[in-house]
Amino acid sequence: MILSASRRTDIPGYYPGWLARRFQEGYLCVRNPMNPRQVSRISLNPDVIDCIVFWTKNPLPMFRYLDLFEKYPYYFQFTLTGYGREIEPGLPDKRSVLIPAFQELSGKIGSDRMIWRYDPIFLSGRYTLEYHEKAFSEIAGSLSGCTNRVVISFLDEYEKTRRNMRGTGQISLTEELIRAAAARFAAAARRYGMEIVTCAEKIDLSDYGIEHGACIDKEYIERLLGCRLRGRKDPGQRRECGCMESVETGTYHTCRNGCRYCYANDSPGRVRENVLKYDESSPLLCGCLQDRDIITERKMKSLKI
């Protein structure tokens, strides 16, 4: 199986010690967000984990634990945008900390295991097309040779996203604006030798050399592993999502990055409440098992052909 760590929170940035402890003990537990009494127990045996996909905006806290994952194939999806702290308040400085962190991690694990994400893209009075073009080009130039792929997506307006984005001056994204942005990003990506794909976008941007991509990308993982996989499209994701099936390890409402556009956090107050429950020794992230929990062993098997 493919392990996702994590769509729901920044595990490498805030909880790498918990994840390392889980891998040392050989299992972790995940509470079903739709039915909190249901808990899955997930084996972390290398025989059944084909690949780990790490999602982060700051991998620096993870560096000390990388050796623990040597026997597992993995890659990082590193989100790095041009937004300021009024949009991404929990992140270190991009130029002095995060771009060097990307470069350093690429040097440690190789450019083929590094995917740069410039997303989600929204426009406002400050974050204009020209602003994004300049920011994207500057970051792309800094990451040239450190990654072979960049993923872009445009902001989806979930209810909680609209609530969190109030006051940012966000403007509606028309197809014309999306195409104008795509043309500029594609030109910069080509200039720095990067493949550019979209994430969960319905719009066809192939005229600009941008294909539909996937975050948990079956073909990409097959190239890393050097073998075919049996995996199907993930039925739990949106129709436009191209990701293959995976096992999620994270917990909603626990990411401390505080990004205004986030769909995984309800509110800062709920995040603070959940973070207080963090226990590195617990099999659950930011929680503990209860007597009333119904714990089920997740059926794990390798997807390798």
Protein backbone atom coordinates (compact mmCIF):
# COMPACT_ATOMS: atom_id res chain seq x y z
CA MET A 1 0.00 0.00 0.00
CA ILE A 2 0.91 3.65 -0.34
CA LEU A 3 1.10 5.57 2.93
CA SER A 4 0.11 9.26 2.92
CA ALA A 5 1.71 11.41 5.63
CA SER A 6 -0.37 13.47 5.32
CA ARG A 7 -3.14 15.26 3.46
CA ARG A 8 -4.67 16.29 6.78
CA THR A 9 -1.74 17.91 8.56
CA ASP A 10 1.97 18.71 8.28
CA ILE A 11 3.48 15.64 9.95
CA PRO A 12 7.10 16.29 8.84
CA GLY A 13 6.85 19.88 10.07
CA TYR A 14 5.23 19.31 13.47
CA TYR A 15 5.00 15.62 14.33
CA PRO A 16 8.09 13.82 12.97
CA GLY A 17 8.93 12.45 16.42
CA TRP A 18 5.52 10.81 16.66
CA LEU A 19 5.87 9.30 13.19
CA ALA A 20 9.37 8.02 13.95
CA ARG A 21 8.10 6.40 17.16
CA ARG A 22 5.29 4.76 15.22
CA PHE A 23 7.67 3.29 12.65
CA GLN A 24 9.94 2.02 15.40
CA GLU A 25 6.97 0.26 17.03
CA GLY A 26 5.66 -0.99 13.68
CA TYR A 27 2.11 0.37 13.66
CA LEU A 28 -0.08 3.45 14.04
CA CYS A 29 -3.78 4.14 14.51
CA VAL A 30 -6.08 6.54 12.67
CA ARG A 31 -9.50 7.65 13.86
CA ASN A 32 -12.24 7.80 11.22
CA PRO A 33 -13.14 11.52 10.92
CA MET A 34 -16.71 10.58 9.89
CA ASN A 35 -17.20 8.11 12.76
CA PRO A 36 -14.80 8.89 15.63
CA ARG A 37 -15.47 5.61 17.44
CA GLN A 38 -13.98 3.67 14.53
CA VAL A 39 -10.20 3.35 14.65
CA SER A 40 -7.97 1.64 12.09
CA ARG A 41 -4.76 -0.06 13.19
CA ILE A 42 -2.24 0.18 10.37
CA SER A 43 0.80 -2.04 10.02
CA LEU A 44 4.04 -0.29 9.02
CA ASN A 45 5.83 -3.46 7.97
CA PRO A 46 8.15 -2.73 5.02
CA ASP A 47 6.72 -5.79 3.27
CA VAL A 48 3.35 -4.06 2.87
CA ILE A 49 4.34 -0.38 2.60
CA ASP A 50 5.30 0.14 -1.03
CA CYS A 51 5.92 3.89 -0.79
CA ILE A 52 5.44 6.78 1.63
CA VAL A 53 4.28 10.18 0.38
CA PHE A 54 5.29 12.99 2.74
CA TRP A 55 3.43 16.32 2.49
CA THR A 56 5.02 19.37 4.11
CA LYS A 57 5.73 23.09 4.05
CA ASN A 58 8.75 22.77 6.29
CA PRO A 59 10.73 19.49 6.35
CA LEU A 60 13.54 20.73 8.61
CA PRO A 61 12.27 19.00 11.79
CA MET A 62 12.17 15.74 9.81
CA PHE A 63 15.85 15.73 8.84
CA ARG A 64 17.04 14.04 12.04
CA TYR A 65 14.68 11.10 11.42
CA LEU A 66 15.36 10.41 7.75
CA ASP A 67 17.62 7.43 8.46
CA LEU A 68 14.67 5.59 10.03
CA PHE A 69 12.95 5.49 6.65
CA GLU A 70 15.85 4.16 4.56
CA LYS A 71 14.18 0.79 3.96
CA TYR A 72 11.01 2.46 2.63
CA PRO A 73 10.72 4.09 -0.79
CA TYR A 74 9.38 7.61 -0.33
CA TYR A 75 9.16 11.08 -1.80
CA PHE A 76 8.32 14.56 -0.52
CA GLN A 77 5.71 16.98 -1.74
CA PHE A 78 7.01 20.33 -0.57
CA THR A 79 4.61 23.26 -0.83
CA LEU A 80 6.46 26.52 -1.39
CA THR A 81 4.56 29.62 -2.49
CA GLY A 82 5.08 33.35 -2.68
CA TYR A 83 2.50 34.27 -0.04
CA GLY A 84 3.42 36.39 2.96
CA ARG A 85 2.78 35.71 6.63
CA GLU A 86 -0.68 37.25 6.55
CA ILE A 87 -1.65 34.18 4.46
CA GLU A 88 0.82 31.56 5.79
CA PRO A 89 1.53 32.81 9.34
CA GLY A 90 3.20 29.69 10.74
CA LEU A 91 5.99 29.36 8.20
CA PRO A 92 9.63 30.47 8.43
CA ASP A 93 11.04 32.92 5.90
CA LYS A 94 10.96 31.51 2.37
CA ARG A 95 14.23 32.91 1.02
CA SER A 96 16.42 32.39 4.08
CA VAL A 97 14.94 29.13 5.47
CA LEU A 98 12.55 27.19 3.26
CA ILE A 99 14.25 27.46 -0.14
CA PRO A 100 17.59 26.36 1.43
CA ALA A 101 15.68 23.54 3.20
CA PHE A 102 14.34 22.33 -0.15
CA GLN A 103 17.81 22.47 -1.65
CA GLU A 104 19.32 20.61 1.31
CA LEU A 105 16.68 17.89 1.32
CA SER A 106 17.09 17.40 -2.42
CA GLY A 107 20.83 16.98 -1.84
CA LYS A 108 20.12 14.32 0.78
CA ILE A 109 17.53 12.21 -1.07
CA GLY A 110 17.79 13.21 -4.74
CA SER A 111 15.77 15.45 -7.05
CA ASP A 112 13.65 12.52 -8.25
CA ARG A 113 12.13 12.26 -4.75
CA MET A 114 11.28 15.96 -4.50
CA ILE A 115 8.08 17.47 -5.90
CA TRP A 116 7.53 21.20 -5.60
CA ARG A 117 3.95 22.37 -5.06
CA TYR A 118 2.98 25.95 -5.83
CA ASP A 119 -0.57 25.84 -4.59
CA PRO A 120 -3.27 26.81 -4.01
CA ILE A 121 -3.21 29.81 -6.31
CA PHE A 122 -5.60 32.69 -5.64
CA LEU A 123 -5.60 36.28 -6.84
CA SER A 124 -6.15 39.50 -4.91
CA GLY A 125 -5.12 43.13 -4.99
CA ARG A 126 -1.71 42.14 -3.63
CA TYR A 127 -1.35 38.70 -5.20
CA THR A 128 -1.82 39.63 -8.83
CA LEU A 129 -0.88 37.62 -11.90
CA GLU A 130 2.32 39.65 -12.12
CA TYR A 131 3.13 38.95 -8.47
CA HIS A 132 2.63 35.19 -8.90
CA GLU A 133 4.66 35.14 -12.11
CA LYS A 134 7.57 36.85 -10.36
CA ALA A 135 7.35 34.68 -7.23
CA PHE A 136 6.99 31.45 -9.18
CA SER A 137 9.92 32.31 -11.44
CA GLU A 138 12.15 33.26 -8.51
CA ILE A 139 11.40 30.05 -6.62
CA ALA A 140 11.74 27.94 -9.78
CA GLY A 141 15.16 29.44 -10.44
CA SER A 142 16.26 28.65 -6.88
CA LEU A 143 15.01 25.06 -7.16
CA SER A 144 16.41 24.35 -10.61
CA GLY A 145 18.18 20.99 -10.48
CA CYS A 146 16.58 20.18 -7.09
CA THR A 147 13.32 18.86 -8.52
CA ASN A 148 11.98 17.68 -11.85
CA ARG A 149 8.30 18.41 -11.29
CA VAL A 150 6.11 21.27 -10.08
CA VAL A 151 2.42 20.87 -9.25
CA ILE A 152 -0.02 23.78 -9.41
CA SER A 153 -3.67 24.09 -8.42
CA PHE A 154 -6.16 26.90 -8.07
CA LEU A 155 -8.00 27.59 -4.83
CA ASP A 156 -11.21 25.59 -4.32
CA GLU A 157 -13.72 27.52 -2.25
CA TYR A 158 -14.93 25.12 0.41
CA GLU A 159 -17.18 26.62 3.09
CA LYS A 160 -14.40 26.74 5.68
CA THR A 161 -11.98 28.11 3.08
CA ARG A 162 -14.34 30.99 2.25
CA ARG A 163 -14.69 31.72 5.96
CA ASN A 164 -10.95 31.67 6.59
CA MET A 165 -10.19 33.78 3.51
CA ARG A 166 -12.41 36.70 4.52
CA GLY A 167 -10.50 39.95 4.50
CA THR A 168 -7.79 38.80 2.08
CA GLY A 169 -9.27 40.63 -0.90
CA GLN A 170 -9.52 37.43 -2.88
CA ILE A 171 -11.11 37.80 -6.31
CA SER A 172 -13.00 35.16 -8.31
CA LEU A 173 -10.90 33.09 -10.67
CA THR A 174 -12.33 33.15 -14.18
CA GLU A 175 -11.23 30.71 -16.87
CA GLU A 176 -9.47 33.60 -18.60
CA LEU A 177 -7.42 34.38 -15.48
CA ILE A 178 -6.59 30.72 -14.91
CA ARG A 179 -5.35 30.34 -18.47
CA ALA A 180 -3.30 33.52 -18.25
CA ALA A 181 -1.66 32.29 -15.05
CA ALA A 182 -1.06 28.83 -16.49
CA ALA A 183 0.72 30.23 -19.54
CA ARG A 184 3.13 32.21 -17.33
CA PHE A 185 3.83 29.33 -14.96
CA ALA A 186 4.40 26.91 -17.84
CA ALA A 187 6.92 29.23 -19.48
CA ALA A 188 8.88 29.59 -16.23
CA ALA A 189 8.80 25.84 -15.55
CA ARG A 190 10.18 25.11 -19.04
CA ARG A 191 12.88 27.71 -18.53
CA TYR A 192 14.15 25.86 -15.47
CA GLY A 193 13.73 22.32 -16.81
CA MET A 194 10.66 21.28 -14.79
CA GLU A 195 7.62 19.28 -15.80
CA ILE A 196 4.47 21.13 -14.73
CA VAL A 197 1.15 19.42 -13.93
CA THR A 198 -2.10 20.35 -12.21
CA CYS A 199 -3.66 18.85 -9.07
CA ALA A 200 -7.39 17.99 -9.12
CA GLU A 201 -8.24 20.55 -11.80
CA LYS A 202 -11.10 20.06 -14.25
CA ILE A 203 -9.82 22.65 -16.73
CA ASP A 204 -7.71 21.39 -19.64
CA LEU A 205 -4.42 23.31 -19.80
CA SER A 206 -2.63 21.01 -22.22
CA ASP A 207 -2.36 23.85 -24.76
CA TYR A 208 0.29 25.30 -22.42
CA GLY A 209 2.08 21.99 -21.87
CA ILE A 210 0.38 21.39 -18.51
CA GLU A 211 -1.16 17.94 -18.08
CA HIS A 212 -3.47 16.66 -15.37
CA GLY A 213 -1.29 15.32 -12.57
CA ALA A 214 -1.70 13.45 -9.32
CA CYS A 215 -0.15 13.90 -5.89
CA ILE A 216 -0.09 10.19 -5.16
CA ASP A 217 0.89 9.41 -8.71
CA LYS A 218 0.82 5.76 -9.77
CA GLU A 219 3.18 6.19 -12.73
CA TYR A 220 5.58 8.35 -10.71
CA ILE A 221 5.73 5.77 -7.91
CA GLU A 222 6.18 2.95 -10.42
CA ARG A 223 9.24 4.75 -11.80
CA LEU A 224 10.65 5.16 -8.29
CA LEU A 225 10.07 1.49 -7.48
CA GLY A 226 11.08 0.11 -10.85
CA CYS A 227 7.99 -2.10 -11.03
CA ARG A 228 4.28 -2.01 -11.82
CA LEU A 229 1.54 -1.46 -9.23
CA ARG A 230 -2.00 -2.82 -9.03
CA GLY A 231 -3.43 0.33 -7.42
CA ARG A 232 -6.72 1.86 -8.52
CA LYS A 233 -7.91 5.49 -8.39
CA ASP A 234 -8.67 6.56 -4.85
CA PRO A 235 -12.48 6.36 -4.50
CA GLY A 236 -12.46 8.68 -1.49
CA GLN A 237 -11.16 11.70 -3.38
CA ARG A 238 -12.83 14.22 -5.67
CA ARG A 239 -13.72 13.25 -9.24
CA GLU A 240 -10.99 15.49 -10.65
CA CYS A 241 -8.35 13.98 -8.34
CA GLY A 242 -6.02 11.56 -10.14
CA CYS A 243 -4.45 10.06 -7.01
CA MET A 244 -4.19 6.31 -6.59
CA GLU A 245 -5.53 4.65 -3.46
CA SER A 246 -3.52 5.19 -0.28
CA VAL A 247 -3.75 4.89 3.49
CA GLU A 248 -3.98 8.20 5.36
CA THR A 249 -2.06 8.63 8.62
CA GLY A 250 -2.97 12.14 9.77
CA THR A 251 -5.63 13.90 11.83
CA TYR A 252 -7.68 16.92 10.79
CA HIS A 253 -7.50 20.17 12.80
CA THR A 254 -3.90 19.61 13.96
CA CYS A 255 -1.80 21.60 11.47
CA ARG A 256 -0.10 24.56 13.11
CA ASN A 257 0.90 26.34 9.90
CA GLY A 258 -2.32 28.37 10.12
CA CYS A 259 -2.65 28.96 6.37
CA ARG A 260 -5.71 31.06 5.58
CA TYR A 261 -6.71 28.91 2.59
CA CYS A 262 -6.54 25.60 4.51
CA TYR A 263 -9.40 23.12 4.14
CA ALA A 264 -8.10 20.76 6.87
CA ASN A 265 -8.57 23.06 9.89
CA ASP A 266 -11.86 24.38 11.23
CA SER A 267 -10.40 27.15 13.38
CA PRO A 268 -7.24 28.13 15.30
CA GLY A 269 -9.04 27.36 18.55
CA ARG A 270 -9.78 23.79 17.54
CA VAL A 271 -6.17 23.31 16.45
CA ARG A 272 -4.91 24.58 19.82
CA GLU A 273 -7.29 22.22 21.61
CA ASN A 274 -6.11 19.21 19.60
CA VAL A 275 -2.42 20.06 19.89
CA LEU A 276 -2.75 19.87 23.68
CA LYS A 277 -3.60 16.17 23.21
CA TYR A 278 -0.32 15.44 21.43
CA ASP A 279 1.55 12.52 22.96
CA GLU A 280 4.52 11.17 21.07
CA SER A 281 3.96 7.72 22.60
CA SER A 282 0.29 7.48 21.53
CA PRO A 283 -0.57 5.37 18.48
CA LEU A 284 -2.98 8.16 17.48
CA LEU A 285 -1.85 11.60 16.35
CA CYS A 286 -3.10 14.20 18.84
CA GLY A 287 -5.34 11.83 20.71
CA CYS A 288 -5.46 8.61 22.68
CA LEU A 289 -7.42 5.39 22.45
CA GLN A 290 -10.63 5.17 24.46
CA ASP A 291 -12.39 2.14 25.95
CA ARG A 292 -15.37 2.71 23.66
CA ASP A 293 -13.24 2.69 20.49
CA ILE A 294 -13.81 -0.06 17.95
CA ILE A 295 -10.33 -0.90 16.66
CA THR A 296 -10.07 -2.74 13.35
CA GLU A 297 -6.89 -4.06 11.78
CA ARG A 298 -6.57 -2.45 8.36
CA LYS A 299 -5.97 -5.01 5.62
CA MET A 300 -2.57 -4.07 4.28
CA LYS A 301 -0.94 -5.69 1.29
CA SER A 302 1.71 -4.81 -1.22
CA LEU A 303 0.44 -3.50 -4.56
CA LYS A 304 3.58 -4.50 -6.43
CA ILE A 305 3.28 -6.68 -9.50
